[in-house]
Amino acid sequence: MKVVATSRSTQGTSASRRLRLTGRVPGIVYGSTDAPVSIELDHNDLFHALRKEAFHASILDLEIDGAAASSVLLRDVQMHPFKQQVLHIDFQRVAANEKIHVRVPIHYVNADSSPAVKLSANVISHVMNDIEVTCLPKDLPEFIEIDLGNLEAQGAVHVSDLKLPEGVTVTPQAEEVIATATMPDEMVEQEIVQPAVEATAATAAPAAADKGGDKK
């Protein structure tokens, strides 16, 4: 994905505020052996790009002042507390031969066809929606897919169950839970209440029989 920016010489809070009033977003690109560069970008183009999942976990081609594009990663975005406005953005340069640490989204598939859901009416909970990976830029996946098709009732998916692309490792420990299948609360309550009702009925029956015998 390509990002077009221009360099900016004015900095500071007042300068950034004036820049935003013209429909531009202040930003910075840093990393590698080059010095940090202050940049500005078109707000509308950037706002729509940020709505794409791939923009957050892909190597981007950043072009500044029409020069040759450099490879960067999106590292930070500051949004207005209640307006749909991007306030500031950070990019980090990446080198082809240096490993990067990036959080990539998790895509869950086949949950509805799993035994947990289909046979036991369990509810699938996503403990993680993204995960940190380490890899070379060329190996960076846009997302990690997790197939829940074989998940059993009351089961769980752990980091150790992931099928990772070649050259990609994950930061979380192998035993960490990614997703779980649990029984709905109403079903748990039924399982608790039903035995209690049956036990009460069983206790009440002999008592009723005893009263009947006393009358005779």
N, C-alpha and C. Protein backbone atom coordinates (compact mmCIF):
# COMPACT_ATOMS: atom_id res chain seq x y z
N MET A 1 0.85 -1.19 0.00
CA MET A 1 0.00 0.00 0.00
C MET A 1 0.88 1.23 0.00
N LYS A 2 0.50 2.21 -0.81
CA LYS A 2 1.31 3.41 -0.97
C LYS A 2 0.75 4.57 -0.16
N VAL A 3 1.66 5.30 0.49
CA VAL A 3 1.29 6.48 1.27
C VAL A 3 2.08 7.66 0.71
N VAL A 4 1.38 8.75 0.38
CA VAL A 4 2.02 9.93 -0.18
C VAL A 4 2.05 11.03 0.89
N ALA A 5 3.23 11.59 1.11
CA ALA A 5 3.39 12.64 2.12
C ALA A 5 4.33 13.72 1.60
N THR A 6 4.33 14.84 2.29
CA THR A 6 5.29 15.91 2.00
C THR A 6 5.99 16.26 3.31
N SER A 7 7.21 16.73 3.20
CA SER A 7 7.95 17.10 4.40
C SER A 7 7.42 18.43 4.92
N ARG A 8 7.60 18.68 6.21
CA ARG A 8 7.16 19.95 6.80
C ARG A 8 8.29 20.50 7.67
N SER A 9 8.43 21.80 7.63
CA SER A 9 9.50 22.44 8.39
C SER A 9 9.00 23.06 9.68
N THR A 10 7.71 23.42 9.71
CA THR A 10 7.15 24.04 10.92
C THR A 10 6.71 22.95 11.89
N GLN A 11 7.02 23.13 13.16
CA GLN A 11 6.65 22.17 14.18
C GLN A 11 6.08 22.90 15.39
N GLY A 12 5.58 22.12 16.32
CA GLY A 12 4.99 22.71 17.51
C GLY A 12 3.47 22.60 17.51
N THR A 13 2.88 22.84 18.66
CA THR A 13 1.43 22.69 18.82
C THR A 13 0.64 23.65 17.93
N SER A 14 1.04 24.90 17.88
CA SER A 14 0.32 25.90 17.08
C SER A 14 0.41 25.58 15.60
N ALA A 15 1.61 25.18 15.15
CA ALA A 15 1.79 24.84 13.74
C ALA A 15 0.95 23.62 13.36
N SER A 16 0.90 22.63 14.25
CA SER A 16 0.10 21.43 13.98
C SER A 16 -1.37 21.75 13.92
N ARG A 17 -1.82 22.66 14.80
CA ARG A 17 -3.23 23.06 14.80
C ARG A 17 -3.59 23.76 13.49
N ARG A 18 -2.72 24.65 13.04
CA ARG A 18 -2.99 25.34 11.76
C ARG A 18 -2.99 24.35 10.61
N LEU A 19 -2.12 23.36 10.68
CA LEU A 19 -2.04 22.35 9.62
C LEU A 19 -3.33 21.55 9.54
N ARG A 20 -3.87 21.18 10.67
CA ARG A 20 -5.11 20.39 10.70
C ARG A 20 -6.28 21.19 10.14
N LEU A 21 -6.28 22.50 10.35
CA LEU A 21 -7.36 23.34 9.83
C LEU A 21 -7.38 23.37 8.32
N THR A 22 -6.26 23.04 7.68
CA THR A 22 -6.20 23.01 6.21
C THR A 22 -6.45 21.61 5.65
N GLY A 23 -6.87 20.68 6.51
CA GLY A 23 -7.15 19.32 6.05
C GLY A 23 -5.92 18.44 5.92
N ARG A 24 -4.88 18.78 6.66
CA ARG A 24 -3.64 18.00 6.64
C ARG A 24 -3.40 17.39 8.03
N VAL A 25 -2.59 16.33 8.06
CA VAL A 25 -2.27 15.64 9.31
C VAL A 25 -0.77 15.66 9.53
N PRO A 26 -0.30 16.14 10.67
CA PRO A 26 1.13 16.09 10.95
C PRO A 26 1.56 14.67 11.32
N GLY A 27 2.80 14.34 10.97
CA GLY A 27 3.30 13.02 11.29
C GLY A 27 4.81 13.01 11.33
N ILE A 28 5.37 11.84 11.57
CA ILE A 28 6.82 11.69 11.61
C ILE A 28 7.18 10.29 11.13
N VAL A 29 8.34 10.19 10.47
CA VAL A 29 8.87 8.90 10.09
C VAL A 29 10.27 8.80 10.68
N TYR A 30 10.56 7.68 11.32
CA TYR A 30 11.85 7.52 12.00
C TYR A 30 12.34 6.09 11.82
N GLY A 31 13.52 5.82 12.36
CA GLY A 31 14.07 4.47 12.29
C GLY A 31 15.19 4.34 11.29
N SER A 32 15.85 3.18 11.29
CA SER A 32 17.00 2.89 10.44
C SER A 32 18.13 3.85 10.78
N THR A 33 19.01 4.13 9.85
CA THR A 33 20.15 5.02 10.11
C THR A 33 19.87 6.46 9.71
N ASP A 34 18.72 6.71 9.08
CA ASP A 34 18.38 8.06 8.65
C ASP A 34 17.76 8.85 9.79
N ALA A 35 17.89 10.16 9.71
CA ALA A 35 17.31 11.02 10.73
C ALA A 35 15.79 11.05 10.61
N PRO A 36 15.10 11.30 11.72
CA PRO A 36 13.64 11.42 11.67
C PRO A 36 13.23 12.57 10.76
N VAL A 37 12.11 12.40 10.07
CA VAL A 37 11.60 13.42 9.16
C VAL A 37 10.16 13.75 9.53
N SER A 38 9.89 15.04 9.73
CA SER A 38 8.53 15.49 9.99
C SER A 38 7.78 15.58 8.66
N ILE A 39 6.57 15.04 8.64
CA ILE A 39 5.81 14.98 7.39
C ILE A 39 4.39 15.46 7.62
N GLU A 40 3.68 15.66 6.53
CA GLU A 40 2.24 15.95 6.58
C GLU A 40 1.56 15.16 5.48
N LEU A 41 0.30 14.77 5.75
CA LEU A 41 -0.47 13.95 4.81
C LEU A 41 -1.88 14.50 4.68
N ASP A 42 -2.54 14.15 3.57
CA ASP A 42 -3.93 14.54 3.37
C ASP A 42 -4.81 13.79 4.36
N HIS A 43 -5.65 14.51 5.08
CA HIS A 43 -6.44 13.88 6.13
C HIS A 43 -7.44 12.87 5.59
N ASN A 44 -8.19 13.22 4.56
CA ASN A 44 -9.22 12.32 4.06
C ASN A 44 -8.64 11.03 3.52
N ASP A 45 -7.56 11.13 2.76
CA ASP A 45 -6.92 9.92 2.24
C ASP A 45 -6.44 9.03 3.37
N LEU A 46 -5.82 9.66 4.38
CA LEU A 46 -5.30 8.89 5.51
C LEU A 46 -6.43 8.28 6.33
N PHE A 47 -7.49 9.04 6.55
CA PHE A 47 -8.61 8.54 7.36
C PHE A 47 -9.22 7.29 6.73
N HIS A 48 -9.41 7.30 5.42
CA HIS A 48 -9.98 6.14 4.74
C HIS A 48 -8.99 4.97 4.72
N ALA A 49 -7.71 5.25 4.61
CA ALA A 49 -6.70 4.19 4.63
C ALA A 49 -6.68 3.50 5.99
N LEU A 50 -6.85 4.26 7.05
CA LEU A 50 -6.82 3.70 8.40
C LEU A 50 -7.99 2.76 8.66
N ARG A 51 -9.03 2.85 7.87
CA ARG A 51 -10.19 1.96 8.04
C ARG A 51 -9.94 0.58 7.43
N LYS A 52 -8.85 0.44 6.71
CA LYS A 52 -8.50 -0.85 6.10
C LYS A 52 -7.59 -1.62 7.06
N GLU A 53 -7.95 -2.84 7.33
CA GLU A 53 -7.19 -3.67 8.27
C GLU A 53 -5.74 -3.82 7.84
N ALA A 54 -5.52 -4.00 6.54
CA ALA A 54 -4.17 -4.24 6.04
C ALA A 54 -3.24 -3.06 6.28
N PHE A 55 -3.80 -1.85 6.38
CA PHE A 55 -2.97 -0.67 6.59
C PHE A 55 -2.23 -0.73 7.93
N HIS A 56 -2.80 -1.45 8.88
CA HIS A 56 -2.25 -1.50 10.22
C HIS A 56 -1.23 -2.62 10.40
N ALA A 57 -1.18 -3.56 9.49
CA ALA A 57 -0.28 -4.70 9.67
C ALA A 57 0.36 -5.11 8.34
N SER A 58 0.78 -4.13 7.58
CA SER A 58 1.45 -4.40 6.29
C SER A 58 2.64 -3.47 6.15
N ILE A 59 3.57 -3.88 5.30
CA ILE A 59 4.67 -2.99 4.93
C ILE A 59 4.12 -1.98 3.95
N LEU A 60 4.27 -0.70 4.27
CA LEU A 60 3.74 0.38 3.44
C LEU A 60 4.87 1.05 2.66
N ASP A 61 4.54 1.54 1.49
CA ASP A 61 5.50 2.31 0.68
C ASP A 61 5.23 3.79 0.90
N LEU A 62 6.14 4.45 1.62
CA LEU A 62 5.96 5.86 1.94
C LEU A 62 6.79 6.72 0.99
N GLU A 63 6.10 7.57 0.24
CA GLU A 63 6.74 8.49 -0.71
C GLU A 63 6.69 9.90 -0.14
N ILE A 64 7.85 10.52 0.02
CA ILE A 64 7.93 11.87 0.57
C ILE A 64 8.49 12.83 -0.49
N ASP A 65 7.74 13.86 -0.80
CA ASP A 65 8.14 14.88 -1.76
C ASP A 65 8.52 14.29 -3.13
N GLY A 66 7.83 13.22 -3.51
CA GLY A 66 8.06 12.62 -4.82
C GLY A 66 9.32 11.79 -4.93
N ALA A 67 10.07 11.62 -3.84
CA ALA A 67 11.30 10.81 -3.89
C ALA A 67 10.95 9.33 -3.88
N ALA A 68 11.95 8.48 -4.07
CA ALA A 68 11.73 7.04 -4.08
C ALA A 68 11.10 6.60 -2.76
N ALA A 69 10.14 5.71 -2.85
CA ALA A 69 9.42 5.27 -1.66
C ALA A 69 10.32 4.44 -0.76
N SER A 70 10.08 4.57 0.54
CA SER A 70 10.79 3.74 1.52
C SER A 70 9.78 2.85 2.23
N SER A 71 10.23 1.70 2.71
CA SER A 71 9.34 0.75 3.38
C SER A 71 9.16 1.17 4.84
N VAL A 72 7.92 1.26 5.27
CA VAL A 72 7.63 1.69 6.64
C VAL A 72 6.50 0.85 7.23
N LEU A 73 6.39 0.93 8.55
CA LEU A 73 5.28 0.33 9.28
C LEU A 73 4.53 1.43 10.03
N LEU A 74 3.22 1.32 10.10
CA LEU A 74 2.44 2.22 10.93
C LEU A 74 2.72 1.87 12.39
N ARG A 75 3.14 2.83 13.18
CA ARG A 75 3.49 2.56 14.57
C ARG A 75 2.55 3.22 15.57
N ASP A 76 1.96 4.34 15.25
CA ASP A 76 1.08 4.99 16.22
C ASP A 76 0.16 5.96 15.50
N VAL A 77 -1.07 6.02 15.97
CA VAL A 77 -2.06 6.96 15.44
C VAL A 77 -2.75 7.63 16.62
N GLN A 78 -2.82 8.94 16.60
CA GLN A 78 -3.56 9.67 17.62
C GLN A 78 -4.84 10.22 17.00
N MET A 79 -5.97 9.83 17.60
CA MET A 79 -7.28 10.27 17.10
C MET A 79 -7.88 11.28 18.07
N HIS A 80 -8.75 12.15 17.54
CA HIS A 80 -9.48 13.09 18.38
C HIS A 80 -10.40 12.31 19.32
N PRO A 81 -10.60 12.75 20.57
CA PRO A 81 -11.41 12.00 21.53
C PRO A 81 -12.83 11.71 21.07
N PHE A 82 -13.45 12.63 20.32
CA PHE A 82 -14.83 12.38 19.90
C PHE A 82 -15.11 12.73 18.44
N LYS A 83 -14.20 13.41 17.77
CA LYS A 83 -14.38 13.70 16.35
C LYS A 83 -13.72 12.61 15.50
N GLN A 84 -14.21 12.47 14.28
CA GLN A 84 -13.57 11.55 13.34
C GLN A 84 -12.41 12.28 12.69
N GLN A 85 -11.37 12.49 13.47
CA GLN A 85 -10.23 13.27 13.00
C GLN A 85 -8.92 12.63 13.47
N VAL A 86 -7.99 12.49 12.53
CA VAL A 86 -6.66 11.99 12.85
C VAL A 86 -5.81 13.19 13.27
N LEU A 87 -5.20 13.10 14.45
CA LEU A 87 -4.42 14.22 14.97
C LEU A 87 -2.93 14.09 14.64
N HIS A 88 -2.42 12.88 14.65
CA HIS A 88 -0.99 12.69 14.40
C HIS A 88 -0.74 11.23 14.04
N ILE A 89 0.32 10.98 13.28
CA ILE A 89 0.63 9.61 12.86
C ILE A 89 2.15 9.39 12.84
N ASP A 90 2.56 8.19 13.24
CA ASP A 90 3.98 7.82 13.27
C ASP A 90 4.22 6.62 12.36
N PHE A 91 5.31 6.70 11.58
CA PHE A 91 5.75 5.57 10.77
C PHE A 91 7.19 5.21 11.15
N GLN A 92 7.51 3.93 11.06
CA GLN A 92 8.87 3.47 11.32
C GLN A 92 9.45 2.83 10.06
N ARG A 93 10.65 3.26 9.68
CA ARG A 93 11.32 2.64 8.53
C ARG A 93 11.72 1.21 8.88
N VAL A 94 11.68 0.34 7.90
CA VAL A 94 12.10 -1.04 8.11
C VAL A 94 13.15 -1.42 7.07
N ALA A 95 14.08 -2.29 7.49
CA ALA A 95 15.12 -2.78 6.59
C ALA A 95 14.79 -4.22 6.22
N ALA A 96 15.06 -4.59 4.99
CA ALA A 96 14.70 -5.92 4.49
C ALA A 96 15.34 -7.05 5.28
N ASN A 97 16.53 -6.79 5.83
CA ASN A 97 17.27 -7.86 6.51
C ASN A 97 17.15 -7.80 8.03
N GLU A 98 16.26 -6.95 8.56
CA GLU A 98 16.08 -6.83 10.01
C GLU A 98 14.67 -7.26 10.41
N LYS A 99 14.59 -8.12 11.42
CA LYS A 99 13.30 -8.61 11.87
C LYS A 99 12.50 -7.49 12.54
N ILE A 100 11.19 -7.58 12.38
CA ILE A 100 10.29 -6.58 12.95
C ILE A 100 9.32 -7.25 13.91
N HIS A 101 8.79 -6.45 14.82
CA HIS A 101 7.79 -6.94 15.78
C HIS A 101 6.50 -6.17 15.51
N VAL A 102 5.47 -6.89 15.12
CA VAL A 102 4.22 -6.25 14.70
C VAL A 102 3.03 -7.03 15.25
N ARG A 103 1.98 -6.32 15.64
CA ARG A 103 0.73 -6.97 16.01
C ARG A 103 -0.12 -7.13 14.75
N VAL A 104 -0.53 -8.35 14.48
CA VAL A 104 -1.36 -8.61 13.30
C VAL A 104 -2.71 -9.14 13.77
N PRO A 105 -3.78 -8.85 13.02
CA PRO A 105 -5.12 -9.31 13.42
C PRO A 105 -5.28 -10.81 13.31
N ILE A 106 -6.18 -11.34 14.11
CA ILE A 106 -6.54 -12.76 14.06
C ILE A 106 -7.89 -12.90 13.38
N HIS A 107 -7.98 -13.81 12.42
CA HIS A 107 -9.24 -14.12 11.76
C HIS A 107 -9.71 -15.51 12.20
N TYR A 108 -10.88 -15.58 12.80
CA TYR A 108 -11.44 -16.86 13.22
C TYR A 108 -12.41 -17.38 12.15
N VAL A 109 -12.29 -18.66 11.82
CA VAL A 109 -13.16 -19.25 10.80
C VAL A 109 -13.76 -20.56 11.32
N ASN A 110 -14.91 -20.92 10.75
CA ASN A 110 -15.59 -22.21 10.99
C ASN A 110 -16.07 -22.41 12.42
N ALA A 111 -16.32 -21.32 13.13
CA ALA A 111 -16.81 -21.47 14.51
C ALA A 111 -18.20 -22.12 14.54
N ASP A 112 -19.08 -21.71 13.61
CA ASP A 112 -20.45 -22.22 13.62
C ASP A 112 -20.55 -23.71 13.32
N SER A 113 -19.54 -24.26 12.64
CA SER A 113 -19.58 -25.68 12.29
C SER A 113 -18.82 -26.55 13.28
N SER A 114 -18.28 -25.95 14.33
CA SER A 114 -17.52 -26.71 15.32
C SER A 114 -18.45 -27.54 16.20
N PRO A 115 -17.98 -28.68 16.73
CA PRO A 115 -18.80 -29.47 17.65
C PRO A 115 -19.25 -28.67 18.86
N ALA A 116 -18.42 -27.74 19.31
CA ALA A 116 -18.76 -26.94 20.48
C ALA A 116 -20.04 -26.16 20.26
N VAL A 117 -20.19 -25.57 19.07
CA VAL A 117 -21.36 -24.76 18.76
C VAL A 117 -22.50 -25.61 18.22
N LYS A 118 -22.18 -26.47 17.27
CA LYS A 118 -23.21 -27.21 16.55
C LYS A 118 -23.87 -28.28 17.42
N LEU A 119 -23.10 -28.96 18.24
CA LEU A 119 -23.63 -30.07 19.03
C LEU A 119 -23.93 -29.70 20.48
N SER A 120 -23.19 -28.73 21.02
CA SER A 120 -23.34 -28.44 22.44
C SER A 120 -23.81 -27.01 22.73
N ALA A 121 -24.08 -26.24 21.67
CA ALA A 121 -24.58 -24.86 21.82
C ALA A 121 -23.68 -24.01 22.70
N ASN A 122 -22.38 -24.26 22.63
CA ASN A 122 -21.43 -23.44 23.37
C ASN A 122 -21.28 -22.06 22.73
N VAL A 123 -20.76 -21.13 23.49
CA VAL A 123 -20.47 -19.79 23.00
C VAL A 123 -18.96 -19.65 22.84
N ILE A 124 -18.53 -19.18 21.67
CA ILE A 124 -17.10 -19.00 21.41
C ILE A 124 -16.69 -17.60 21.85
N SER A 125 -15.68 -17.52 22.68
CA SER A 125 -15.14 -16.23 23.14
C SER A 125 -13.75 -16.03 22.57
N HIS A 126 -13.53 -14.87 21.94
CA HIS A 126 -12.21 -14.54 21.39
C HIS A 126 -11.40 -13.81 22.46
N VAL A 127 -10.48 -14.51 23.05
CA VAL A 127 -9.64 -13.91 24.09
C VAL A 127 -8.66 -12.91 23.47
N MET A 128 -8.18 -13.23 22.28
CA MET A 128 -7.27 -12.35 21.55
C MET A 128 -7.87 -11.99 20.20
N ASN A 129 -7.77 -10.73 19.82
CA ASN A 129 -8.19 -10.28 18.49
C ASN A 129 -7.00 -9.97 17.60
N ASP A 130 -5.82 -9.88 18.19
CA ASP A 130 -4.59 -9.72 17.42
C ASP A 130 -3.45 -10.35 18.23
N ILE A 131 -2.32 -10.52 17.60
CA ILE A 131 -1.20 -11.19 18.24
C ILE A 131 0.11 -10.62 17.71
N GLU A 132 1.11 -10.53 18.56
CA GLU A 132 2.40 -9.98 18.15
C GLU A 132 3.25 -11.05 17.49
N VAL A 133 3.76 -10.73 16.31
CA VAL A 133 4.61 -11.66 15.58
C VAL A 133 5.98 -11.03 15.35
N THR A 134 6.95 -11.90 15.12
CA THR A 134 8.31 -11.47 14.79
C THR A 134 8.71 -12.14 13.50
N CYS A 135 9.19 -11.35 12.54
CA CYS A 135 9.58 -11.90 11.25
C CYS A 135 10.33 -10.84 10.44
N LEU A 136 10.86 -11.28 9.31
CA LEU A 136 11.43 -10.33 8.36
C LEU A 136 10.28 -9.63 7.62
N PRO A 137 10.49 -8.42 7.14
CA PRO A 137 9.41 -7.70 6.45
C PRO A 137 8.75 -8.51 5.33
N LYS A 138 9.52 -9.28 4.59
CA LYS A 138 8.96 -10.03 3.47
C LYS A 138 8.02 -11.15 3.92
N ASP A 139 8.16 -11.58 5.16
CA ASP A 139 7.35 -12.69 5.67
C ASP A 139 6.14 -12.22 6.48
N LEU A 140 5.94 -10.91 6.60
CA LEU A 140 4.86 -10.39 7.44
C LEU A 140 3.49 -10.77 6.89
N PRO A 141 2.69 -11.52 7.65
CA PRO A 141 1.34 -11.85 7.18
C PRO A 141 0.37 -10.72 7.49
N GLU A 142 -0.65 -10.57 6.64
CA GLU A 142 -1.66 -9.54 6.91
C GLU A 142 -2.52 -9.93 8.10
N PHE A 143 -2.67 -11.24 8.33
CA PHE A 143 -3.46 -11.73 9.46
C PHE A 143 -3.06 -13.18 9.73
N ILE A 144 -3.45 -13.67 10.91
CA ILE A 144 -3.27 -15.07 11.28
C ILE A 144 -4.65 -15.70 11.33
N GLU A 145 -4.84 -16.79 10.60
CA GLU A 145 -6.14 -17.46 10.56
C GLU A 145 -6.17 -18.61 11.56
N ILE A 146 -7.27 -18.70 12.31
CA ILE A 146 -7.46 -19.78 13.27
C ILE A 146 -8.74 -20.53 12.91
N ASP A 147 -8.59 -21.82 12.62
CA ASP A 147 -9.72 -22.67 12.24
C ASP A 147 -10.31 -23.28 13.51
N LEU A 148 -11.56 -22.92 13.80
CA LEU A 148 -12.24 -23.43 14.99
C LEU A 148 -13.13 -24.63 14.68
N GLY A 149 -13.00 -25.19 13.48
CA GLY A 149 -13.88 -26.27 13.04
C GLY A 149 -13.84 -27.51 13.89
N ASN A 150 -12.75 -27.76 14.61
CA ASN A 150 -12.63 -28.97 15.43
C ASN A 150 -12.72 -28.68 16.92
N LEU A 151 -13.09 -27.48 17.29
CA LEU A 151 -13.15 -27.12 18.70
C LEU A 151 -14.30 -27.86 19.39
N GLU A 152 -13.97 -28.56 20.47
CA GLU A 152 -14.95 -29.34 21.22
C GLU A 152 -15.58 -28.47 22.32
N ALA A 153 -16.69 -28.98 22.87
CA ALA A 153 -17.38 -28.29 23.95
C ALA A 153 -16.45 -28.09 25.14
N GLN A 154 -16.51 -26.90 25.72
CA GLN A 154 -15.68 -26.53 26.87
C GLN A 154 -14.18 -26.55 26.54
N GLY A 155 -13.88 -26.50 25.25
CA GLY A 155 -12.48 -26.56 24.82
C GLY A 155 -11.86 -25.17 24.69
N ALA A 156 -10.59 -25.17 24.31
CA ALA A 156 -9.85 -23.90 24.17
C ALA A 156 -8.79 -24.05 23.08
N VAL A 157 -8.44 -22.93 22.48
CA VAL A 157 -7.35 -22.87 21.50
C VAL A 157 -6.20 -22.11 22.16
N HIS A 158 -5.02 -22.70 22.10
CA HIS A 158 -3.84 -22.08 22.70
C HIS A 158 -2.88 -21.60 21.62
N VAL A 159 -1.94 -20.78 22.04
CA VAL A 159 -0.93 -20.28 21.11
C VAL A 159 -0.19 -21.43 20.43
N SER A 160 0.02 -22.50 21.18
CA SER A 160 0.73 -23.66 20.63
C SER A 160 -0.03 -24.35 19.49
N ASP A 161 -1.34 -24.05 19.37
CA ASP A 161 -2.16 -24.66 18.31
C ASP A 161 -2.08 -23.89 16.98
N LEU A 162 -1.45 -22.73 16.98
CA LEU A 162 -1.40 -21.90 15.78
C LEU A 162 -0.56 -22.55 14.69
N LYS A 163 -1.02 -22.40 13.45
CA LYS A 163 -0.24 -22.80 12.29
C LYS A 163 0.31 -21.52 11.65
N LEU A 164 1.57 -21.26 11.93
CA LEU A 164 2.18 -20.00 11.50
C LEU A 164 2.85 -20.13 10.15
N PRO A 165 2.85 -19.05 9.36
CA PRO A 165 3.58 -19.07 8.09
C PRO A 165 5.07 -19.25 8.35
N GLU A 166 5.77 -19.72 7.34
CA GLU A 166 7.21 -19.94 7.47
C GLU A 166 7.92 -18.62 7.76
N GLY A 167 8.84 -18.67 8.71
CA GLY A 167 9.61 -17.48 9.06
C GLY A 167 8.96 -16.58 10.07
N VAL A 168 7.79 -17.00 10.58
CA VAL A 168 7.05 -16.16 11.53
C VAL A 168 6.98 -16.85 12.89
N THR A 169 7.31 -16.12 13.94
CA THR A 169 7.16 -16.61 15.31
C THR A 169 6.26 -15.63 16.07
N VAL A 170 5.73 -16.10 17.19
CA VAL A 170 4.85 -15.26 18.00
C VAL A 170 5.47 -15.01 19.36
N THR A 171 5.12 -13.88 19.94
CA THR A 171 5.67 -13.49 21.24
C THR A 171 4.98 -14.17 22.42
N PRO A 172 3.63 -14.30 22.44
CA PRO A 172 2.99 -14.92 23.60
C PRO A 172 3.49 -16.34 23.86
N GLN A 173 3.39 -16.77 25.11
CA GLN A 173 3.80 -18.11 25.50
C GLN A 173 2.86 -19.16 24.92
N ALA A 174 3.38 -20.37 24.72
CA ALA A 174 2.63 -21.43 24.06
C ALA A 174 1.33 -21.79 24.78
N GLU A 175 1.32 -21.66 26.11
CA GLU A 175 0.13 -22.07 26.87
C GLU A 175 -0.94 -21.01 26.94
N GLU A 176 -0.67 -19.81 26.44
CA GLU A 176 -1.68 -18.74 26.51
C GLU A 176 -2.91 -19.09 25.67
N VAL A 177 -4.07 -18.75 26.19
CA VAL A 177 -5.34 -19.07 25.53
C VAL A 177 -5.70 -17.99 24.52
N ILE A 178 -6.16 -18.42 23.35
CA ILE A 178 -6.56 -17.50 22.28
C ILE A 178 -8.07 -17.42 22.16
N ALA A 179 -8.74 -18.57 22.29
CA ALA A 179 -10.21 -18.61 22.19
C ALA A 179 -10.72 -19.75 23.06
N THR A 180 -11.96 -19.61 23.54
CA THR A 180 -12.55 -20.64 24.39
C THR A 180 -13.99 -20.93 23.97
N ALA A 181 -14.45 -22.13 24.29
CA ALA A 181 -15.85 -22.52 24.09
C ALA A 181 -16.45 -22.76 25.46
N THR A 182 -17.50 -22.04 25.79
CA THR A 182 -18.12 -22.17 27.11
C THR A 182 -19.63 -22.33 26.98
N MET A 183 -20.21 -22.92 27.99
CA MET A 183 -21.66 -23.12 28.02
C MET A 183 -22.34 -21.79 28.36
N PRO A 184 -23.44 -21.45 27.69
CA PRO A 184 -24.16 -20.21 28.01
C PRO A 184 -24.62 -20.20 29.45
N ASP A 185 -24.73 -19.02 30.04
CA ASP A 185 -25.12 -18.88 31.45
C ASP A 185 -26.46 -19.53 31.74
N GLU A 186 -27.42 -19.38 30.82
CA GLU A 186 -28.75 -19.93 31.08
C GLU A 186 -28.72 -21.45 31.15
N MET A 187 -27.83 -22.07 30.34
CA MET A 187 -27.72 -23.52 30.37
C MET A 187 -27.06 -23.99 31.66
N VAL A 188 -26.08 -23.21 32.13
CA VAL A 188 -25.43 -23.55 33.39
C VAL A 188 -26.43 -23.47 34.53
N GLU A 189 -27.28 -22.41 34.52
CA GLU A 189 -28.29 -22.26 35.56
C GLU A 189 -29.28 -23.42 35.53
N GLN A 190 -29.66 -23.87 34.33
CA GLN A 190 -30.58 -24.99 34.22
C GLN A 190 -29.99 -26.25 34.82
N GLU A 191 -28.69 -26.46 34.55
CA GLU A 191 -28.04 -27.66 35.06
C GLU A 191 -27.95 -27.63 36.59
N ILE A 192 -27.86 -26.42 37.16
CA ILE A 192 -27.78 -26.28 38.61
C ILE A 192 -29.17 -26.41 39.24
N VAL A 193 -30.16 -25.76 38.63
CA VAL A 193 -31.51 -25.71 39.18
C VAL A 193 -32.22 -27.05 39.06
N GLN A 194 -32.06 -27.72 37.93
CA GLN A 194 -32.80 -28.96 37.69
C GLN A 194 -32.53 -30.02 38.74
N PRO A 195 -31.25 -30.34 39.06
CA PRO A 195 -31.01 -31.33 40.11
C PRO A 195 -31.58 -30.91 41.45
N ALA A 196 -31.55 -29.59 41.73
CA ALA A 196 -32.08 -29.10 43.00
C ALA A 196 -33.60 -29.31 43.06
N VAL A 197 -34.28 -29.08 41.92
CA VAL A 197 -35.73 -29.28 41.87
C VAL A 197 -36.06 -30.75 42.05
N GLU A 198 -35.29 -31.61 41.37
CA GLU A 198 -35.52 -33.05 41.47
C GLU A 198 -35.28 -33.53 42.89
N ALA A 199 -34.25 -33.00 43.55
CA ALA A 199 -33.95 -33.40 44.92
C ALA A 199 -35.06 -32.96 45.86
N THR A 200 -35.60 -31.77 45.64
CA THR A 200 -36.69 -31.27 46.48
C THR A 200 -37.93 -32.12 46.31
N ALA A 201 -38.20 -32.48 45.05
CA ALA A 201 -39.37 -33.31 44.78
C ALA A 201 -39.23 -34.69 45.41
N ALA A 202 -38.00 -35.22 45.35
CA ALA A 202 -37.76 -36.55 45.94
C ALA A 202 -37.92 -36.52 47.45
N THR A 203 -37.55 -35.43 48.10
CA THR A 203 -37.67 -35.28 49.55
C THR A 203 -39.12 -35.08 49.95
N ALA A 204 -39.84 -34.36 49.13
CA ALA A 204 -41.23 -34.04 49.45
C ALA A 204 -42.14 -35.26 49.33
N ALA A 205 -41.82 -36.18 48.44
CA ALA A 205 -42.69 -37.35 48.21
C ALA A 205 -42.82 -38.22 49.44
N PRO A 206 -41.72 -38.65 50.12
CA PRO A 206 -41.87 -39.46 51.34
C PRO A 206 -42.62 -38.73 52.44
N ALA A 207 -42.39 -37.40 52.53
CA ALA A 207 -43.07 -36.62 53.56
C ALA A 207 -44.58 -36.64 53.35
N ALA A 208 -44.98 -36.52 52.09
CA ALA A 208 -46.41 -36.56 51.78
C ALA A 208 -47.00 -37.93 52.08
N ALA A 209 -46.21 -38.96 51.82
CA ALA A 209 -46.69 -40.33 52.09
C ALA A 209 -46.87 -40.55 53.59
N ASP A 210 -45.93 -40.00 54.39
CA ASP A 210 -46.02 -40.14 55.83
C ASP A 210 -47.28 -39.46 56.39
N LYS A 211 -47.59 -38.28 55.87
CA LYS A 211 -48.79 -37.58 56.32
C LYS A 211 -50.04 -38.38 56.00
N GLY A 212 -50.03 -38.99 54.82
CA GLY A 212 -51.19 -39.80 54.44
C GLY A 212 -51.36 -40.97 55.39
N GLY A 213 -50.26 -41.56 55.83
CA GLY A 213 -50.32 -42.69 56.75
C GLY A 213 -50.83 -42.28 58.11
N ASP A 214 -50.50 -41.09 58.60
CA ASP A 214 -50.95 -40.62 59.91
C ASP A 214 -52.45 -40.48 59.94
N LYS A 215 -53.04 -40.00 58.83
CA LYS A 215 -54.49 -39.83 58.79
C LYS A 215 -55.21 -41.14 58.94
N LYS A 216 -54.65 -42.20 58.39
CA LYS A 216 -55.28 -43.51 58.52
C LYS A 216 -55.23 -44.01 59.97
